[in-house]
């Protein structure tokens, strides 16, 4: 049992150290959605009607009544 616990702990620590993903969270300001970083600084200016969390490096956004994807720099990678 101790070997299993050690293996699981090692696996967790390894996976945690391999994620250098920038954490951005959607935020609504004055009726538009953008993204903030973990310090609360605006990383992507609010410009969307809606925005969802990043998954695998992309976030779904809504512009008007259409949807697309942006990367973590705010660049639209799939046009709405």
PDB file of N, CA and C in Angstrom:
ATOM      1  N   UNK A   1       0.825  -1.195   0.000  1.00  0.00           N
ATOM      2  CA  UNK A   1       0.000   0.000   0.000  1.00  0.00           C
ATOM      3  C   UNK A   1       0.865   1.253   0.000  1.00  0.00           C
ATOM      4  N   UNK A   2       1.969   1.234   0.686  1.00  0.00           N
ATOM      5  CA  UNK A   2       2.852   2.394   0.761  1.00  0.00           C
ATOM      6  C   UNK A   2       3.446   2.727  -0.607  1.00  0.00           C
ATOM      7  N   UNK A   3       3.745   1.708  -1.411  1.00  0.00           N
ATOM      8  CA  UNK A   3       4.277   1.940  -2.753  1.00  0.00           C
ATOM      9  C   UNK A   3       3.256   2.642  -3.634  1.00  0.00           C
ATOM     10  N   UNK A   4       2.002   2.275  -3.495  1.00  0.00           N
ATOM     11  CA  UNK A   4       0.951   2.912  -4.284  1.00  0.00           C
ATOM     12  C   UNK A   4       0.820   4.379  -3.904  1.00  0.00           C
ATOM     13  N   UNK A   5       0.831   4.682  -2.613  1.00  0.00           N
ATOM     14  CA  UNK A   5       0.732   6.063  -2.154  1.00  0.00           C
ATOM     15  C   UNK A   5       1.908   6.880  -2.665  1.00  0.00           C
ATOM     16  N   UNK A   6       3.106   6.338  -2.596  1.00  0.00           N
ATOM     17  CA  UNK A   6       4.292   7.043  -3.094  1.00  0.00           C
ATOM     18  C   UNK A   6       4.192   7.292  -4.590  1.00  0.00           C
ATOM     19  N   UNK A   7       3.719   6.289  -5.325  1.00  0.00           N
ATOM     20  CA  UNK A   7       3.579   6.438  -6.770  1.00  0.00           C
ATOM     21  C   UNK A   7       2.563   7.523  -7.110  1.00  0.00           C
ATOM     22  N   UNK A   8       1.421   7.538  -6.411  1.00  0.00           N
ATOM     23  CA  UNK A   8       0.401   8.549  -6.674  1.00  0.00           C
ATOM     24  C   UNK A   8       0.902   9.947  -6.343  1.00  0.00           C
ATOM     25  N   UNK A   9       1.625  10.090  -5.245  1.00  0.00           N
ATOM     26  CA  UNK A   9       2.197  11.383  -4.876  1.00  0.00           C
ATOM     27  C   UNK A   9       3.203  11.841  -5.928  1.00  0.00           C
ATOM     28  N   UNK A  10       4.074  10.935  -6.360  1.00  0.00           N
ATOM     29  CA  UNK A  10       5.051  11.258  -7.390  1.00  0.00           C
ATOM     30  C   UNK A  10       4.352  11.671  -8.684  1.00  0.00           C
ATOM     31  N   UNK A  11       3.307  10.946  -9.084  1.00  0.00           N
ATOM     32  CA  UNK A  11       2.567  11.262 -10.310  1.00  0.00           C
ATOM     33  C   UNK A  11       1.921  12.637 -10.222  1.00  0.00           C
ATOM     34  N   UNK A  12       1.339  12.949  -9.066  1.00  0.00           N
ATOM     35  CA  UNK A  12       0.715  14.255  -8.877  1.00  0.00           C
ATOM     36  C   UNK A  12       1.745  15.373  -8.975  1.00  0.00           C
ATOM     37  N   UNK A  13       2.873  15.227  -8.294  1.00  0.00           N
ATOM     38  CA  UNK A  13       3.902  16.254  -8.318  1.00  0.00           C
ATOM     39  C   UNK A  13       4.479  16.432  -9.715  1.00  0.00           C
ATOM     40  N   UNK A  14       4.654  15.355 -10.434  1.00  0.00           N
ATOM     41  CA  UNK A  14       5.171  15.430 -11.790  1.00  0.00           C
ATOM     42  C   UNK A  14       4.188  16.153 -12.701  1.00  0.00           C
ATOM     43  N   UNK A  15       2.920  15.825 -12.611  1.00  0.00           N
ATOM     44  CA  UNK A  15       1.938  16.481 -13.476  1.00  0.00           C
ATOM     45  C   UNK A  15       1.782  17.952 -13.108  1.00  0.00           C
ATOM     46  N   UNK A  16       1.874  18.287 -11.829  1.00  0.00           N
ATOM     47  CA  UNK A  16       1.759  19.683 -11.405  1.00  0.00           C
ATOM     48  C   UNK A  16       2.939  20.502 -11.899  1.00  0.00           C
ATOM     49  N   UNK A  17       4.129  19.920 -11.919  1.00  0.00           N
ATOM     50  CA  UNK A  17       5.300  20.668 -12.358  1.00  0.00           C
ATOM     51  C   UNK A  17       5.345  20.806 -13.873  1.00  0.00           C
ATOM     52  N   UNK A  18       4.636  19.954 -14.599  1.00  0.00           N
ATOM     53  CA  UNK A  18       4.634  20.008 -16.061  1.00  0.00           C
ATOM     54  C   UNK A  18       3.623  20.997 -16.602  1.00  0.00           C
ATOM     55  N   UNK A  19       2.724  21.487 -15.769  1.00  0.00           N
ATOM     56  CA  UNK A  19       1.745  22.445 -16.248  1.00  0.00           C
ATOM     57  C   UNK A  19       2.252  23.853 -16.013  1.00  0.00           C
ATOM     58  N   UNK A  20       2.740  24.447 -17.079  1.00  0.00           N
ATOM     59  CA  UNK A  20       3.190  25.827 -17.017  1.00  0.00           C
ATOM     60  C   UNK A  20       2.146  26.714 -17.672  1.00  0.00           C
ATOM     61  N   UNK A  21       0.902  26.236 -17.666  1.00  0.00           N
ATOM     62  CA  UNK A  21      -0.185  26.936 -18.317  1.00  0.00           C
ATOM     63  C   UNK A  21      -0.511  28.223 -17.572  1.00  0.00           C
ATOM     64  N   UNK A  22      -0.652  29.309 -18.322  1.00  0.00           N
ATOM     65  CA  UNK A  22      -1.035  30.582 -17.741  1.00  0.00           C
ATOM     66  C   UNK A  22      -2.499  30.515 -17.355  1.00  0.00           C
ATOM     67  N   UNK A  23      -2.799  30.856 -16.121  1.00  0.00           N
ATOM     68  CA  UNK A  23      -4.171  30.805 -15.655  1.00  0.00           C
ATOM     69  C   UNK A  23      -4.868  32.128 -15.939  1.00  0.00           C
ATOM     70  N   UNK A  24      -5.916  32.077 -16.738  1.00  0.00           N
ATOM     71  CA  UNK A  24      -6.734  33.244 -17.037  1.00  0.00           C
ATOM     72  C   UNK A  24      -8.176  32.900 -16.714  1.00  0.00           C
ATOM     73  N   UNK A  25      -8.877  33.865 -16.152  1.00  0.00           N
ATOM     74  CA  UNK A  25     -10.271  33.649 -15.776  1.00  0.00           C
ATOM     75  C   UNK A  25     -11.150  34.678 -16.473  1.00  0.00           C
ATOM     76  N   UNK A  26     -12.328  34.253 -16.958  1.00  0.00           N
ATOM     77  CA  UNK A  26     -13.237  35.217 -17.573  1.00  0.00           C
ATOM     78  C   UNK A  26     -13.768  36.192 -16.528  1.00  0.00           C
ATOM     79  N   UNK A  27     -13.941  37.446 -16.964  1.00  0.00           N
ATOM     80  CA  UNK A  27     -14.453  38.482 -16.068  1.00  0.00           C
ATOM     81  C   UNK A  27     -15.339  39.427 -16.878  1.00  0.00           C
ATOM     82  N   UNK A  28     -16.437  39.861 -16.265  1.00  0.00           N
ATOM     83  CA  UNK A  28     -17.346  40.800 -16.920  1.00  0.00           C
ATOM     84  C   UNK A  28     -17.122  42.187 -16.341  1.00  0.00           C
ATOM     85  N   UNK A  29     -16.892  43.151 -17.228  1.00  0.00           N
ATOM     86  CA  UNK A  29     -16.702  44.544 -16.818  1.00  0.00           C
ATOM     87  C   UNK A  29     -17.555  45.411 -17.735  1.00  0.00           C
ATOM     88  N   UNK A  30     -18.456  46.153 -17.146  1.00  0.00           N
ATOM     89  CA  UNK A  30     -19.346  47.046 -17.898  1.00  0.00           C
ATOM     90  C   UNK A  30     -20.080  46.338 -19.032  1.00  0.00           C
ATOM     91  N   UNK A  31     -20.544  45.116 -18.777  1.00  0.00           N
ATOM     92  CA  UNK A  31     -21.345  44.392 -19.741  1.00  0.00           C
ATOM     93  C   UNK A  31     -20.578  43.646 -20.815  1.00  0.00           C
ATOM     94  N   UNK A  32     -19.252  43.722 -20.798  1.00  0.00           N
ATOM     95  CA  UNK A  32     -18.428  42.988 -21.774  1.00  0.00           C
ATOM     96  C   UNK A  32     -17.523  42.023 -21.023  1.00  0.00           C
ATOM     97  N   UNK A  33     -17.162  40.932 -21.691  1.00  0.00           N
ATOM     98  CA  UNK A  33     -16.334  39.905 -21.079  1.00  0.00           C
ATOM     99  C   UNK A  33     -14.913  39.949 -21.612  1.00  0.00           C
ATOM    100  N   UNK A  34     -13.958  39.757 -20.703  1.00  0.00           N
ATOM    101  CA  UNK A  34     -12.543  39.637 -21.026  1.00  0.00           C
ATOM    102  C   UNK A  34     -11.935  38.623 -20.076  1.00  0.00           C
ATOM    103  N   UNK A  35     -10.627  38.722 -19.866  1.00  0.00           N
ATOM    104  CA  UNK A  35      -9.946  37.752 -19.005  1.00  0.00           C
ATOM    105  C   UNK A  35      -8.950  38.460 -18.105  1.00  0.00           C
ATOM    106  N   UNK A  36      -8.834  37.962 -16.868  1.00  0.00           N
ATOM    107  CA  UNK A  36      -7.842  38.458 -15.920  1.00  0.00           C
ATOM    108  C   UNK A  36      -6.880  37.328 -15.587  1.00  0.00           C
ATOM    109  N   UNK A  37      -5.669  37.721 -15.167  1.00  0.00           N
ATOM    110  CA  UNK A  37      -4.702  36.710 -14.732  1.00  0.00           C
ATOM    111  C   UNK A  37      -4.882  36.453 -13.243  1.00  0.00           C
ATOM    112  N   UNK A  38      -4.016  35.621 -12.677  1.00  0.00           N
ATOM    113  CA  UNK A  38      -4.193  35.224 -11.274  1.00  0.00           C
ATOM    114  C   UNK A  38      -3.944  36.356 -10.290  1.00  0.00           C
ATOM    115  N   UNK A  39      -3.338  37.467 -10.746  1.00  0.00           N
ATOM    116  CA  UNK A  39      -3.130  38.618  -9.863  1.00  0.00           C
ATOM    117  C   UNK A  39      -4.285  39.610  -9.941  1.00  0.00           C
ATOM    118  N   UNK A  40      -5.238  39.360 -10.866  1.00  0.00           N
ATOM    119  CA  UNK A  40      -6.366  40.261 -11.040  1.00  0.00           C
ATOM    120  C   UNK A  40      -6.153  41.300 -12.122  1.00  0.00           C
ATOM    121  N   UNK A  41      -5.015  41.271 -12.786  1.00  0.00           N
ATOM    122  CA  UNK A  41      -4.708  42.212 -13.862  1.00  0.00           C
ATOM    123  C   UNK A  41      -5.410  41.759 -15.144  1.00  0.00           C
ATOM    124  N   UNK A  42      -5.970  42.723 -15.885  1.00  0.00           N
ATOM    125  CA  UNK A  42      -6.635  42.392 -17.135  1.00  0.00           C
ATOM    126  C   UNK A  42      -5.601  41.897 -18.137  1.00  0.00           C
ATOM    127  N   UNK A  43      -5.813  40.676 -18.630  1.00  0.00           N
ATOM    128  CA  UNK A  43      -4.901  40.071 -19.597  1.00  0.00           C
ATOM    129  C   UNK A  43      -5.444  40.189 -21.019  1.00  0.00           C
ATOM    130  N   UNK A  44      -6.770  40.111 -21.168  1.00  0.00           N
ATOM    131  CA  UNK A  44      -7.438  40.274 -22.460  1.00  0.00           C
ATOM    132  C   UNK A  44      -8.597  41.239 -22.214  1.00  0.00           C
ATOM    133  N   UNK A  45      -8.551  42.374 -22.886  1.00  0.00           N
ATOM    134  CA  UNK A  45      -9.548  43.419 -22.659  1.00  0.00           C
ATOM    135  C   UNK A  45     -10.965  42.919 -22.863  1.00  0.00           C
ATOM    136  N   UNK A  46     -11.895  43.390 -22.012  1.00  0.00           N
ATOM    137  CA  UNK A  46     -13.304  43.025 -22.172  1.00  0.00           C
ATOM    138  C   UNK A  46     -13.834  43.554 -23.510  1.00  0.00           C
ATOM    139  N   UNK A  47     -14.261  42.633 -24.378  1.00  0.00           N
ATOM    140  CA  UNK A  47     -14.744  43.001 -25.713  1.00  0.00           C
ATOM    141  C   UNK A  47     -15.755  42.006 -26.256  1.00  0.00           C
ATOM    142  N   UNK A  48     -16.072  41.001 -25.462  1.00  0.00           N
ATOM    143  CA  UNK A  48     -16.937  39.923 -25.920  1.00  0.00           C
ATOM    144  C   UNK A  48     -18.286  39.978 -25.211  1.00  0.00           C
ATOM    145  N   UNK A  49     -19.336  39.487 -25.899  1.00  0.00           N
ATOM    146  CA  UNK A  49     -20.648  39.397 -25.266  1.00  0.00           C
ATOM    147  C   UNK A  49     -20.659  38.324 -24.186  1.00  0.00           C
ATOM    148  N   UNK A  50     -19.825  37.310 -24.354  1.00  0.00           N
ATOM    149  CA  UNK A  50     -19.694  36.262 -23.347  1.00  0.00           C
ATOM    150  C   UNK A  50     -18.349  35.576 -23.546  1.00  0.00           C
ATOM    151  N   UNK A  51     -17.869  34.918 -22.526  1.00  0.00           N
ATOM    152  CA  UNK A  51     -16.584  34.205 -22.592  1.00  0.00           C
ATOM    153  C   UNK A  51     -16.606  33.069 -21.582  1.00  0.00           C
ATOM    154  N   UNK A  52     -15.923  31.979 -21.935  1.00  0.00           N
ATOM    155  CA  UNK A  52     -15.862  30.805 -21.078  1.00  0.00           C
ATOM    156  C   UNK A  52     -14.410  30.502 -20.742  1.00  0.00           C
ATOM    157  N   UNK A  53     -14.200  29.612 -19.796  1.00  0.00           N
ATOM    158  CA  UNK A  53     -12.858  29.252 -19.333  1.00  0.00           C
ATOM    159  C   UNK A  53     -12.013  28.648 -20.446  1.00  0.00           C
ATOM    160  N   UNK A  54     -10.695  28.809 -20.304  1.00  0.00           N
ATOM    161  CA  UNK A  54      -9.755  28.194 -21.237  1.00  0.00           C
ATOM    162  C   UNK A  54      -9.673  26.697 -20.964  1.00  0.00           C
ATOM    163  N   UNK A  55      -9.666  25.942 -22.039  1.00  0.00           N
ATOM    164  CA  UNK A  55      -9.457  24.490 -21.975  1.00  0.00           C
ATOM    165  C   UNK A  55      -8.544  24.137 -23.128  1.00  0.00           C
ATOM    166  N   UNK A  56      -7.437  23.491 -22.806  1.00  0.00           N
ATOM    167  CA  UNK A  56      -6.448  23.081 -23.801  1.00  0.00           C
ATOM    168  C   UNK A  56      -5.955  24.270 -24.622  1.00  0.00           C
ATOM    169  N   UNK A  57      -5.807  25.428 -23.958  1.00  0.00           N
ATOM    170  CA  UNK A  57      -5.218  26.600 -24.593  1.00  0.00           C
ATOM    171  C   UNK A  57      -6.173  27.495 -25.349  1.00  0.00           C
ATOM    172  N   UNK A  58      -7.464  27.137 -25.415  1.00  0.00           N
ATOM    173  CA  UNK A  58      -8.447  27.942 -26.138  1.00  0.00           C
ATOM    174  C   UNK A  58      -9.651  28.230 -25.249  1.00  0.00           C
ATOM    175  N   UNK A  59     -10.275  29.381 -25.502  1.00  0.00           N
ATOM    176  CA  UNK A  59     -11.499  29.740 -24.792  1.00  0.00           C
ATOM    177  C   UNK A  59     -12.571  30.068 -25.819  1.00  0.00           C
ATOM    178  N   UNK A  60     -13.787  29.648 -25.538  1.00  0.00           N
ATOM    179  CA  UNK A  60     -14.922  30.008 -26.381  1.00  0.00           C
ATOM    180  C   UNK A  60     -15.343  31.424 -26.041  1.00  0.00           C
ATOM    181  N   UNK A  61     -15.608  32.211 -27.098  1.00  0.00           N
ATOM    182  CA  UNK A  61     -16.081  33.583 -26.898  1.00  0.00           C
ATOM    183  C   UNK A  61     -17.309  33.798 -27.778  1.00  0.00           C
ATOM    184  N   UNK A  62     -18.094  34.799 -27.404  1.00  0.00           N
ATOM    185  CA  UNK A  62     -19.254  35.177 -28.204  1.00  0.00           C
ATOM    186  C   UNK A  62     -19.074  36.607 -28.652  1.00  0.00           C
ATOM    187  N   UNK A  63     -19.194  36.829 -29.962  1.00  0.00           N
ATOM    188  CA  UNK A  63     -19.205  38.162 -30.562  1.00  0.00           C
ATOM    189  C   UNK A  63     -20.526  38.309 -31.296  1.00  0.00           C
ATOM    190  N   UNK A  64     -21.352  39.245 -30.825  1.00  0.00           N
ATOM    191  CA  UNK A  64     -22.698  39.341 -31.387  1.00  0.00           C
ATOM    192  C   UNK A  64     -23.451  38.070 -31.068  1.00  0.00           C
ATOM    193  N   UNK A  65     -24.009  37.449 -32.100  1.00  0.00           N
ATOM    194  CA  UNK A  65     -24.727  36.188 -31.879  1.00  0.00           C
ATOM    195  C   UNK A  65     -23.941  35.000 -32.431  1.00  0.00           C
ATOM    196  N   UNK A  66     -22.621  35.175 -32.619  1.00  0.00           N
ATOM    197  CA  UNK A  66     -21.772  34.105 -33.136  1.00  0.00           C
ATOM    198  C   UNK A  66     -20.708  33.733 -32.112  1.00  0.00           C
ATOM    199  N   UNK A  67     -20.159  32.532 -32.272  1.00  0.00           N
ATOM    200  CA  UNK A  67     -19.183  32.004 -31.334  1.00  0.00           C
ATOM    201  C   UNK A  67     -17.890  31.659 -32.055  1.00  0.00           C
ATOM    202  N   UNK A  68     -16.775  31.779 -31.341  1.00  0.00           N
ATOM    203  CA  UNK A  68     -15.475  31.420 -31.882  1.00  0.00           C
ATOM    204  C   UNK A  68     -14.538  31.056 -30.745  1.00  0.00           C
ATOM    205  N   UNK A  69     -13.245  30.943 -31.066  1.00  0.00           N
ATOM    206  CA  UNK A  69     -12.239  30.596 -30.060  1.00  0.00           C
ATOM    207  C   UNK A  69     -11.108  31.610 -30.100  1.00  0.00           C
ATOM    208  N   UNK A  70     -10.539  31.891 -28.923  1.00  0.00           N
ATOM    209  CA  UNK A  70      -9.343  32.724 -28.827  1.00  0.00           C
ATOM    210  C   UNK A  70      -8.246  31.930 -28.133  1.00  0.00           C
ATOM    211  N   UNK A  71      -6.995  32.358 -28.379  1.00  0.00           N
ATOM    212  CA  UNK A  71      -5.885  31.777 -27.633  1.00  0.00           C
ATOM    213  C   UNK A  71      -5.591  32.671 -26.432  1.00  0.00           C
ATOM    214  N   UNK A  72      -4.579  32.338 -25.665  1.00  0.00           N
ATOM    215  CA  UNK A  72      -4.300  33.057 -24.413  1.00  0.00           C
ATOM    216  C   UNK A  72      -3.732  34.454 -24.617  1.00  0.00           C
ATOM    217  N   UNK A  73      -3.393  34.798 -25.869  1.00  0.00           N
ATOM    218  CA  UNK A  73      -2.960  36.173 -26.153  1.00  0.00           C
ATOM    219  C   UNK A  73      -4.155  37.038 -26.538  1.00  0.00           C
ATOM    220  N   UNK A  74      -5.331  36.419 -26.711  1.00  0.00           N
ATOM    221  CA  UNK A  74      -6.530  37.138 -27.108  1.00  0.00           C
ATOM    222  C   UNK A  74      -6.782  37.122 -28.597  1.00  0.00           C
ATOM    223  N   UNK A  75      -5.900  36.464 -29.350  1.00  0.00           N
ATOM    224  CA  UNK A  75      -6.053  36.369 -30.794  1.00  0.00           C
ATOM    225  C   UNK A  75      -7.163  35.381 -31.142  1.00  0.00           C
ATOM    226  N   UNK A  76      -8.059  35.795 -32.040  1.00  0.00           N
ATOM    227  CA  UNK A  76      -9.121  34.916 -32.493  1.00  0.00           C
ATOM    228  C   UNK A  76      -8.505  33.869 -33.417  1.00  0.00           C
ATOM    229  N   UNK A  77      -8.684  32.606 -33.064  1.00  0.00           N
ATOM    230  CA  UNK A  77      -8.115  31.509 -33.858  1.00  0.00           C
ATOM    231  C   UNK A  77      -9.182  30.798 -34.683  1.00  0.00           C
ATOM    232  N   UNK A  78     -10.447  30.926 -34.293  1.00  0.00           N
ATOM    233  CA  UNK A  78     -11.574  30.423 -35.066  1.00  0.00           C
ATOM    234  C   UNK A  78     -12.592  31.549 -35.138  1.00  0.00           C
ATOM    235  N   UNK A  79     -12.738  32.132 -36.306  1.00  0.00           N
ATOM    236  CA  UNK A  79     -13.640  33.281 -36.464  1.00  0.00           C
ATOM    237  C   UNK A  79     -15.077  32.918 -36.151  1.00  0.00           C
ATOM    238  N   UNK A  80     -15.745  33.823 -35.435  1.00  0.00           N
ATOM    239  CA  UNK A  80     -17.178  33.615 -35.150  1.00  0.00           C
ATOM    240  C   UNK A  80     -17.988  33.724 -36.435  1.00  0.00           C
TER     241      UNK A  80
END
